[in-house]
Amino acid sequence: MASFEMEIASIMSSVIRDVQSEFELMKKLDTKRLKRLRKIIPVCLYSIDSTQNYLGSLPQNTIEGLVVISQIQTEGRGRQGRKWISQKGGLWLSISLCPPPNASNQLTLVASKSVIDTFEIDFAFPGCMIKEPNDVILRSNKKKIAGVLADASIRGDSCLVILGVGVNVNNSVKGDEHIGSIATSYYDETGKQIPILDFAAAFLSRLDQNYDKLCQNADLSRAYSKA
């Protein structure tokens, strides 16, 4: 085990890790042809207040590709500190990225595009579109199915972004009248479920592809239709 992985393991000893899921996710990622994020380190948790806050608190969060995934978030947050309901069945993920400083402002677009690619290409679920600045909605009913949050820190030529992504996959939001009127999930729309680690691996692969394009100075601002 690399020294930084050992350091991460020691710091994370205070939380309960889902080691089996970490192993399974690594196996799935090994089948992907990753271009830029070749050393993804997954940390899978059963429950945490916020993957974004947790990853941001780790001294090792400057390691590009450090990923925190939790089955449940008790205090998930979206843009401007809004609460994000994070029940079991969704993908609640944060990842550390080190893009060129001039590319950091497009990372929410990159993540949103990657969610859409994952649904459309990997799981044959078309009809998603971007609602600026950081939402993915269904074109048919305008309901939100995913949200993105980017916390950036730029110091000179160095940039660190902790990118948070929340996707309603297998969780149902119909039980809450208000949330159900503005949001939806893959399960609510199709009645089907996707193994969450399959979705996570596919998403990270799509993120890797789009992130690589961004780092090669590709302008993704017109890549997808927007609401």
C-alpha atoms as a PDB file:
ATOM      1  CA  MET A   1       0.000   0.000   0.000  1.00  0.00           C
ATOM      2  CA  ALA A   2       1.351   3.439  -0.965  1.00  0.00           C
ATOM      3  CA  SER A   3       2.318   5.737   1.894  1.00  0.00           C
ATOM      4  CA  PHE A   4      -0.450   8.255   1.226  1.00  0.00           C
ATOM      5  CA  GLU A   5      -3.022   5.448   1.155  1.00  0.00           C
ATOM      6  CA  MET A   6      -1.772   4.338   4.583  1.00  0.00           C
ATOM      7  CA  GLU A   7      -2.107   7.901   5.868  1.00  0.00           C
ATOM      8  CA  ILE A   8      -5.650   8.116   4.533  1.00  0.00           C
ATOM      9  CA  ALA A   9      -6.526   4.802   6.162  1.00  0.00           C
ATOM     10  CA  SER A  10      -5.269   6.017   9.545  1.00  0.00           C
ATOM     11  CA  ILE A  11      -7.154   9.314   9.365  1.00  0.00           C
ATOM     12  CA  MET A  12     -10.357   7.562   8.359  1.00  0.00           C
ATOM     13  CA  SER A  13     -10.222   5.105  11.233  1.00  0.00           C
ATOM     14  CA  SER A  14     -12.827   7.193  13.059  1.00  0.00           C
ATOM     15  CA  VAL A  15     -15.540   6.365  10.490  1.00  0.00           C
ATOM     16  CA  ILE A  16     -17.038   3.033   9.502  1.00  0.00           C
ATOM     17  CA  ARG A  17     -15.922   2.177   5.991  1.00  0.00           C
ATOM     18  CA  ASP A  18     -17.658  -0.185   3.611  1.00  0.00           C
ATOM     19  CA  VAL A  19     -14.484  -1.979   2.571  1.00  0.00           C
ATOM     20  CA  GLN A  20     -16.314  -4.543   0.438  1.00  0.00           C
ATOM     21  CA  SER A  21     -17.857  -1.774  -1.679  1.00  0.00           C
ATOM     22  CA  GLU A  22     -14.455  -0.113  -2.032  1.00  0.00           C
ATOM     23  CA  PHE A  23     -13.013  -3.383  -3.327  1.00  0.00           C
ATOM     24  CA  GLU A  24     -15.904  -3.976  -5.729  1.00  0.00           C
ATOM     25  CA  LEU A  25     -15.742  -0.421  -7.063  1.00  0.00           C
ATOM     26  CA  MET A  26     -12.009  -0.726  -7.667  1.00  0.00           C
ATOM     27  CA  LYS A  27     -12.615  -3.935  -9.619  1.00  0.00           C
ATOM     28  CA  LYS A  28     -15.202  -2.189 -11.776  1.00  0.00           C
ATOM     29  CA  LEU A  29     -12.915   0.788 -12.368  1.00  0.00           C
ATOM     30  CA  ASP A  30     -10.114  -1.557 -13.408  1.00  0.00           C
ATOM     31  CA  THR A  31     -12.231  -2.461 -16.458  1.00  0.00           C
ATOM     32  CA  LYS A  32     -12.481   1.199 -17.532  1.00  0.00           C
ATOM     33  CA  ARG A  33      -9.958   2.929 -19.749  1.00  0.00           C
ATOM     34  CA  LEU A  34      -9.327   5.957 -17.586  1.00  0.00           C
ATOM     35  CA  LYS A  35      -7.341   8.751 -19.206  1.00  0.00           C
ATOM     36  CA  ARG A  36      -6.631  11.350 -16.546  1.00  0.00           C
ATOM     37  CA  LEU A  37      -7.978   9.940 -13.273  1.00  0.00           C
ATOM     38  CA  ARG A  38      -5.875   6.799 -13.461  1.00  0.00           C
ATOM     39  CA  LYS A  39      -5.404   6.525  -9.701  1.00  0.00           C
ATOM     40  CA  ILE A  40      -8.875   6.789  -8.192  1.00  0.00           C
ATOM     41  CA  ILE A  41      -8.923   6.005  -4.471  1.00  0.00           C
ATOM     42  CA  PRO A  42     -12.500   5.202  -3.359  1.00  0.00           C
ATOM     43  CA  VAL A  43     -13.590   5.602   0.239  1.00  0.00           C
ATOM     44  CA  CYS A  44     -17.054   4.098   0.724  1.00  0.00           C
ATOM     45  CA  LEU A  45     -19.014   4.902   3.871  1.00  0.00           C
ATOM     46  CA  TYR A  46     -22.311   3.737   5.299  1.00  0.00           C
ATOM     47  CA  SER A  47     -23.305   7.170   6.578  1.00  0.00           C
ATOM     48  CA  ILE A  48     -21.733  10.621   6.928  1.00  0.00           C
ATOM     49  CA  ASP A  49     -23.019  14.128   7.475  1.00  0.00           C
ATOM     50  CA  SER A  50     -21.732  15.315   4.079  1.00  0.00           C
ATOM     51  CA  THR A  51     -19.254  13.744   1.659  1.00  0.00           C
ATOM     52  CA  GLN A  52     -18.290  17.260   0.603  1.00  0.00           C
ATOM     53  CA  ASN A  53     -17.486  18.391   4.141  1.00  0.00           C
ATOM     54  CA  TYR A  54     -15.746  15.139   4.977  1.00  0.00           C
ATOM     55  CA  LEU A  55     -13.467  15.135   1.949  1.00  0.00           C
ATOM     56  CA  GLY A  56     -12.738  18.816   2.482  1.00  0.00           C
ATOM     57  CA  SER A  57     -11.572  18.094   6.033  1.00  0.00           C
ATOM     58  CA  LEU A  58      -8.936  15.537   5.013  1.00  0.00           C
ATOM     59  CA  PRO A  59      -5.332  16.783   4.795  1.00  0.00           C
ATOM     60  CA  GLN A  60      -4.857  14.415   1.839  1.00  0.00           C
ATOM     61  CA  ASN A  61      -7.671  15.935  -0.209  1.00  0.00           C
ATOM     62  CA  THR A  62      -5.071  17.451  -2.563  1.00  0.00           C
ATOM     63  CA  ILE A  63      -4.553  13.966  -4.016  1.00  0.00           C
ATOM     64  CA  GLU A  64      -6.408  14.047  -7.316  1.00  0.00           C
ATOM     65  CA  GLY A  65      -8.888  11.208  -7.598  1.00  0.00           C
ATOM     66  CA  LEU A  66      -9.674  10.741  -3.905  1.00  0.00           C
ATOM     67  CA  VAL A  67     -13.376   9.837  -3.891  1.00  0.00           C
ATOM     68  CA  VAL A  68     -15.769   9.673  -0.951  1.00  0.00           C
ATOM     69  CA  ILE A  69     -19.093   7.886  -1.462  1.00  0.00           C
ATOM     70  CA  SER A  70     -21.700   7.414   1.253  1.00  0.00           C
ATOM     71  CA  GLN A  71     -24.893   5.380   1.257  1.00  0.00           C
ATOM     72  CA  ILE A  72     -26.581   8.117   3.289  1.00  0.00           C
ATOM     73  CA  GLN A  73     -25.864  11.781   3.980  1.00  0.00           C
ATOM     74  CA  THR A  74     -27.471  13.241   7.070  1.00  0.00           C
ATOM     75  CA  GLU A  75     -26.614  16.836   6.184  1.00  0.00           C
ATOM     76  CA  GLY A  76     -26.144  16.788   2.429  1.00  0.00           C
ATOM     77  CA  ARG A  77     -25.929  20.244   0.934  1.00  0.00           C
ATOM     78  CA  GLY A  78     -26.371  21.832  -2.426  1.00  0.00           C
ATOM     79  CA  ARG A  79     -25.688  25.257  -3.849  1.00  0.00           C
ATOM     80  CA  GLN A  80     -25.851  28.180  -1.399  1.00  0.00           C
ATOM     81  CA  GLY A  81     -26.052  25.747   1.515  1.00  0.00           C
ATOM     82  CA  ARG A  82     -29.448  24.352   0.547  1.00  0.00           C
ATOM     83  CA  LYS A  83     -30.267  20.986   2.117  1.00  0.00           C
ATOM     84  CA  TRP A  84     -30.095  17.965  -0.179  1.00  0.00           C
ATOM     85  CA  ILE A  85     -32.177  14.952   0.880  1.00  0.00           C
ATOM     86  CA  SER A  86     -29.772  12.016   0.605  1.00  0.00           C
ATOM     87  CA  GLN A  87     -31.510   8.718   1.241  1.00  0.00           C
ATOM     88  CA  LYS A  88     -30.098   5.269   0.637  1.00  0.00           C
ATOM     89  CA  GLY A  89     -30.254   4.352  -3.042  1.00  0.00           C
ATOM     90  CA  GLY A  90     -28.842   7.558  -4.464  1.00  0.00           C
ATOM     91  CA  LEU A  91     -25.277   8.306  -5.479  1.00  0.00           C
ATOM     92  CA  TRP A  92     -23.748  10.755  -2.990  1.00  0.00           C
ATOM     93  CA  LEU A  93     -20.178  11.381  -4.068  1.00  0.00           C
ATOM     94  CA  SER A  94     -17.362  13.895  -3.713  1.00  0.00           C
ATOM     95  CA  ILE A  95     -14.054  13.801  -5.581  1.00  0.00           C
ATOM     96  CA  SER A  96     -10.901  15.905  -5.392  1.00  0.00           C
ATOM     97  CA  LEU A  97      -9.657  17.345  -8.685  1.00  0.00           C
ATOM     98  CA  CYS A  98      -6.663  19.514  -9.569  1.00  0.00           C
ATOM     99  CA  PRO A  99      -7.581  21.224 -12.848  1.00  0.00           C
ATOM    100  CA  PRO A 100      -5.781  24.135 -14.493  1.00  0.00           C
ATOM    101  CA  PRO A 101      -7.049  27.265 -12.691  1.00  0.00           C
ATOM    102  CA  ASN A 102      -8.612  28.645 -15.869  1.00  0.00           C
ATOM    103  CA  ALA A 103     -10.704  25.472 -16.249  1.00  0.00           C
ATOM    104  CA  SER A 104     -12.118  25.264 -12.731  1.00  0.00           C
ATOM    105  CA  ASN A 105     -15.228  27.318 -13.542  1.00  0.00           C
ATOM    106  CA  GLN A 106     -16.432  24.654 -15.988  1.00  0.00           C
ATOM    107  CA  LEU A 107     -16.280  21.700 -13.614  1.00  0.00           C
ATOM    108  CA  THR A 108     -19.960  21.842 -12.664  1.00  0.00           C
ATOM    109  CA  LEU A 109     -20.763  21.632 -16.365  1.00  0.00           C
ATOM    110  CA  VAL A 110     -18.336  18.714 -16.752  1.00  0.00           C
ATOM    111  CA  ALA A 111     -19.993  16.846 -13.879  1.00  0.00           C
ATOM    112  CA  SER A 112     -23.522  17.567 -15.120  1.00  0.00           C
ATOM    113  CA  LYS A 113     -22.565  16.414 -18.616  1.00  0.00           C
ATOM    114  CA  SER A 114     -21.079  13.252 -17.121  1.00  0.00           C
ATOM    115  CA  VAL A 115     -24.319  12.460 -15.266  1.00  0.00           C
ATOM    116  CA  ILE A 116     -26.248  12.845 -18.519  1.00  0.00           C
ATOM    117  CA  ASP A 117     -23.760  10.682 -20.426  1.00  0.00           C
ATOM    118  CA  THR A 118     -24.003   7.992 -17.749  1.00  0.00           C
ATOM    119  CA  PHE A 119     -27.780   7.868 -17.903  1.00  0.00           C
ATOM    120  CA  GLU A 120     -28.013   8.054 -21.694  1.00  0.00           C
ATOM    121  CA  ILE A 121     -25.044   5.967 -22.859  1.00  0.00           C
ATOM    122  CA  ASP A 122     -24.545   3.446 -20.070  1.00  0.00           C
ATOM    123  CA  PHE A 123     -28.118   2.892 -18.902  1.00  0.00           C
ATOM    124  CA  ALA A 124     -30.265   3.834 -21.923  1.00  0.00           C
ATOM    125  CA  PHE A 125     -32.138   6.562 -20.042  1.00  0.00           C
ATOM    126  CA  PRO A 126     -32.345   9.585 -22.379  1.00  0.00           C
ATOM    127  CA  GLY A 127     -34.067  12.904 -21.884  1.00  0.00           C
ATOM    128  CA  CYS A 128     -31.905  14.624 -19.272  1.00  0.00           C
ATOM    129  CA  MET A 129     -30.676  18.175 -19.715  1.00  0.00           C
ATOM    130  CA  ILE A 130     -28.694  20.778 -17.812  1.00  0.00           C
ATOM    131  CA  LYS A 131     -30.429  23.524 -15.879  1.00  0.00           C
ATOM    132  CA  GLU A 132     -27.849  26.153 -15.043  1.00  0.00           C
ATOM    133  CA  PRO A 133     -25.997  26.639 -12.902  1.00  0.00           C
ATOM    134  CA  ASN A 134     -25.734  23.150 -11.421  1.00  0.00           C
ATOM    135  CA  ASP A 135     -28.791  20.940 -11.904  1.00  0.00           C
ATOM    136  CA  VAL A 136     -29.674  18.049 -14.169  1.00  0.00           C
ATOM    137  CA  ILE A 137     -33.386  17.827 -14.935  1.00  0.00           C
ATOM    138  CA  LEU A 138     -35.680  15.753 -17.119  1.00  0.00           C
ATOM    139  CA  ARG A 139     -36.701  17.438 -20.323  1.00  0.00           C
ATOM    140  CA  SER A 140     -40.215  15.949 -20.114  1.00  0.00           C
ATOM    141  CA  ASN A 141     -41.311  17.234 -16.707  1.00  0.00           C
ATOM    142  CA  LYS A 142     -38.484  19.618 -15.697  1.00  0.00           C
ATOM    143  CA  LYS A 143     -37.948  17.693 -12.449  1.00  0.00           C
ATOM    144  CA  LYS A 144     -34.487  17.600 -10.885  1.00  0.00           C
ATOM    145  CA  ILE A 145     -32.685  14.270 -10.925  1.00  0.00           C
ATOM    146  CA  ALA A 146     -29.145  15.394 -10.013  1.00  0.00           C
ATOM    147  CA  GLY A 147     -27.220  18.312  -8.592  1.00  0.00           C
ATOM    148  CA  VAL A 148     -23.581  19.369  -8.585  1.00  0.00           C
ATOM    149  CA  LEU A 149     -21.515  21.444  -6.166  1.00  0.00           C
ATOM    150  CA  ALA A 150     -17.923  22.642  -6.631  1.00  0.00           C
ATOM    151  CA  ASP A 151     -15.798  24.078  -3.819  1.00  0.00           C
ATOM    152  CA  ALA A 152     -12.666  25.597  -5.351  1.00  0.00           C
ATOM    153  CA  SER A 153      -9.433  26.873  -3.828  1.00  0.00           C
ATOM    154  CA  ILE A 154      -6.929  28.612  -6.104  1.00  0.00           C
ATOM    155  CA  ARG A 155      -3.439  29.621  -4.992  1.00  0.00           C
ATOM    156  CA  GLY A 156      -1.283  30.965  -7.775  1.00  0.00           C
ATOM    157  CA  ASP A 157      -0.918  28.247 -10.398  1.00  0.00           C
ATOM    158  CA  SER A 158      -2.350  25.601  -8.055  1.00  0.00           C
ATOM    159  CA  CYS A 159      -6.048  24.739  -8.006  1.00  0.00           C
ATOM    160  CA  LEU A 160      -7.989  22.272  -5.864  1.00  0.00           C
ATOM    161  CA  VAL A 161     -11.652  21.574  -6.485  1.00  0.00           C
ATOM    162  CA  ILE A 162     -13.794  19.307  -4.360  1.00  0.00           C
ATOM    163  CA  LEU A 163     -16.587  18.321  -6.688  1.00  0.00           C
ATOM    164  CA  GLY A 164     -19.788  17.039  -5.108  1.00  0.00           C
ATOM    165  CA  VAL A 165     -22.408  15.123  -7.075  1.00  0.00           C
ATOM    166  CA  GLY A 166     -25.796  13.909  -5.905  1.00  0.00           C
ATOM    167  CA  VAL A 167     -27.874  11.699  -8.217  1.00  0.00           C
ATOM    168  CA  ASN A 168     -31.315  10.280  -7.476  1.00  0.00           C
ATOM    169  CA  VAL A 169     -30.886   6.748  -8.770  1.00  0.00           C
ATOM    170  CA  ASN A 170     -32.744   4.059  -6.794  1.00  0.00           C
ATOM    171  CA  ASN A 171     -34.185   6.274  -4.068  1.00  0.00           C
ATOM    172  CA  SER A 172     -37.795   7.399  -4.382  1.00  0.00           C
ATOM    173  CA  VAL A 173     -38.762  11.015  -3.702  1.00  0.00           C
ATOM    174  CA  LYS A 174     -42.489  10.510  -4.183  1.00  0.00           C
ATOM    175  CA  GLY A 175     -43.127  10.151  -0.453  1.00  0.00           C
ATOM    176  CA  ASP A 176     -42.539  13.852   0.139  1.00  0.00           C
ATOM    177  CA  GLU A 177     -45.259  15.911  -1.562  1.00  0.00           C
ATOM    178  CA  HIS A 178     -43.123  19.022  -1.936  1.00  0.00           C
ATOM    179  CA  ILE A 179     -39.902  17.269  -3.014  1.00  0.00           C
ATOM    180  CA  GLY A 180     -41.838  14.991  -5.352  1.00  0.00           C
ATOM    181  CA  SER A 181     -43.293  18.000  -7.135  1.00  0.00           C
ATOM    182  CA  ILE A 182     -39.861  19.369  -8.092  1.00  0.00           C
ATOM    183  CA  ALA A 183     -37.589  16.315  -8.126  1.00  0.00           C
ATOM    184  CA  THR A 184     -37.544  12.746  -9.379  1.00  0.00           C
ATOM    185  CA  SER A 185     -35.304   9.695  -9.592  1.00  0.00           C
ATOM    186  CA  TYR A 186     -34.408   7.009 -12.077  1.00  0.00           C
ATOM    187  CA  TYR A 187     -36.482   4.567 -10.025  1.00  0.00           C
ATOM    188  CA  ASP A 188     -39.508   6.868  -9.879  1.00  0.00           C
ATOM    189  CA  GLU A 189     -39.413   7.341 -13.652  1.00  0.00           C
ATOM    190  CA  THR A 190     -38.769   3.739 -14.716  1.00  0.00           C
ATOM    191  CA  GLY A 191     -39.672   1.447 -11.813  1.00  0.00           C
ATOM    192  CA  LYS A 192     -36.223  -0.109 -12.250  1.00  0.00           C
ATOM    193  CA  GLN A 193     -33.016  -0.023 -10.234  1.00  0.00           C
ATOM    194  CA  ILE A 194     -29.342   0.198 -11.151  1.00  0.00           C
ATOM    195  CA  PRO A 195     -26.690  -1.380  -8.907  1.00  0.00           C
ATOM    196  CA  ILE A 196     -25.274   1.761  -7.330  1.00  0.00           C
ATOM    197  CA  LEU A 197     -21.635   0.715  -7.712  1.00  0.00           C
ATOM    198  CA  ASP A 198     -22.254   0.091 -11.429  1.00  0.00           C
ATOM    199  CA  PHE A 199     -23.622   3.612 -11.699  1.00  0.00           C
ATOM    200  CA  ALA A 200     -20.714   5.037  -9.692  1.00  0.00           C
ATOM    201  CA  ALA A 201     -18.101   3.320 -11.874  1.00  0.00           C
ATOM    202  CA  ALA A 202     -19.819   4.407 -15.074  1.00  0.00           C
ATOM    203  CA  PHE A 203     -20.127   7.977 -13.819  1.00  0.00           C
ATOM    204  CA  LEU A 204     -16.463   8.174 -12.776  1.00  0.00           C
ATOM    205  CA  SER A 205     -15.457   6.865 -16.197  1.00  0.00           C
ATOM    206  CA  ARG A 206     -17.582   9.496 -17.969  1.00  0.00           C
ATOM    207  CA  LEU A 207     -16.257  12.164 -15.625  1.00  0.00           C
ATOM    208  CA  ASP A 208     -12.713  11.098 -16.463  1.00  0.00           C
ATOM    209  CA  GLN A 209     -13.402  11.462 -20.196  1.00  0.00           C
ATOM    210  CA  ASN A 210     -15.021  14.878 -19.939  1.00  0.00           C
ATOM    211  CA  TYR A 211     -12.505  16.137 -17.402  1.00  0.00           C
ATOM    212  CA  ASP A 212      -9.684  15.098 -19.727  1.00  0.00           C
ATOM    213  CA  LYS A 213     -11.271  17.087 -22.565  1.00  0.00           C
ATOM    214  CA  LEU A 214     -11.572  20.110 -20.308  1.00  0.00           C
ATOM    215  CA  CYS A 215      -7.941  19.893 -19.216  1.00  0.00           C
ATOM    216  CA  GLN A 216      -6.962  19.806 -22.882  1.00  0.00           C
ATOM    217  CA  ASN A 217      -8.575  23.236 -23.274  1.00  0.00           C
ATOM    218  CA  ALA A 218     -11.841  22.035 -24.758  1.00  0.00           C
ATOM    219  CA  ASP A 219     -14.726  24.438 -24.235  1.00  0.00           C
ATOM    220  CA  LEU A 220     -17.671  22.329 -23.105  1.00  0.00           C
ATOM    221  CA  SER A 221     -20.068  25.248 -22.662  1.00  0.00           C
ATOM    222  CA  ARG A 222     -22.058  24.360 -25.797  1.00  0.00           C
ATOM    223  CA  ALA A 223     -21.756  20.605 -25.475  1.00  0.00           C
ATOM    224  CA  TYR A 224     -25.257  20.027 -24.126  1.00  0.00           C
ATOM    225  CA  SER A 225     -28.645  21.615 -24.469  1.00  0.00           C
ATOM    226  CA  LYS A 226     -29.710  23.580 -21.426  1.00  0.00           C
ATOM    227  CA  ALA A 227     -32.995  24.591 -19.894  1.00  0.00           C
END
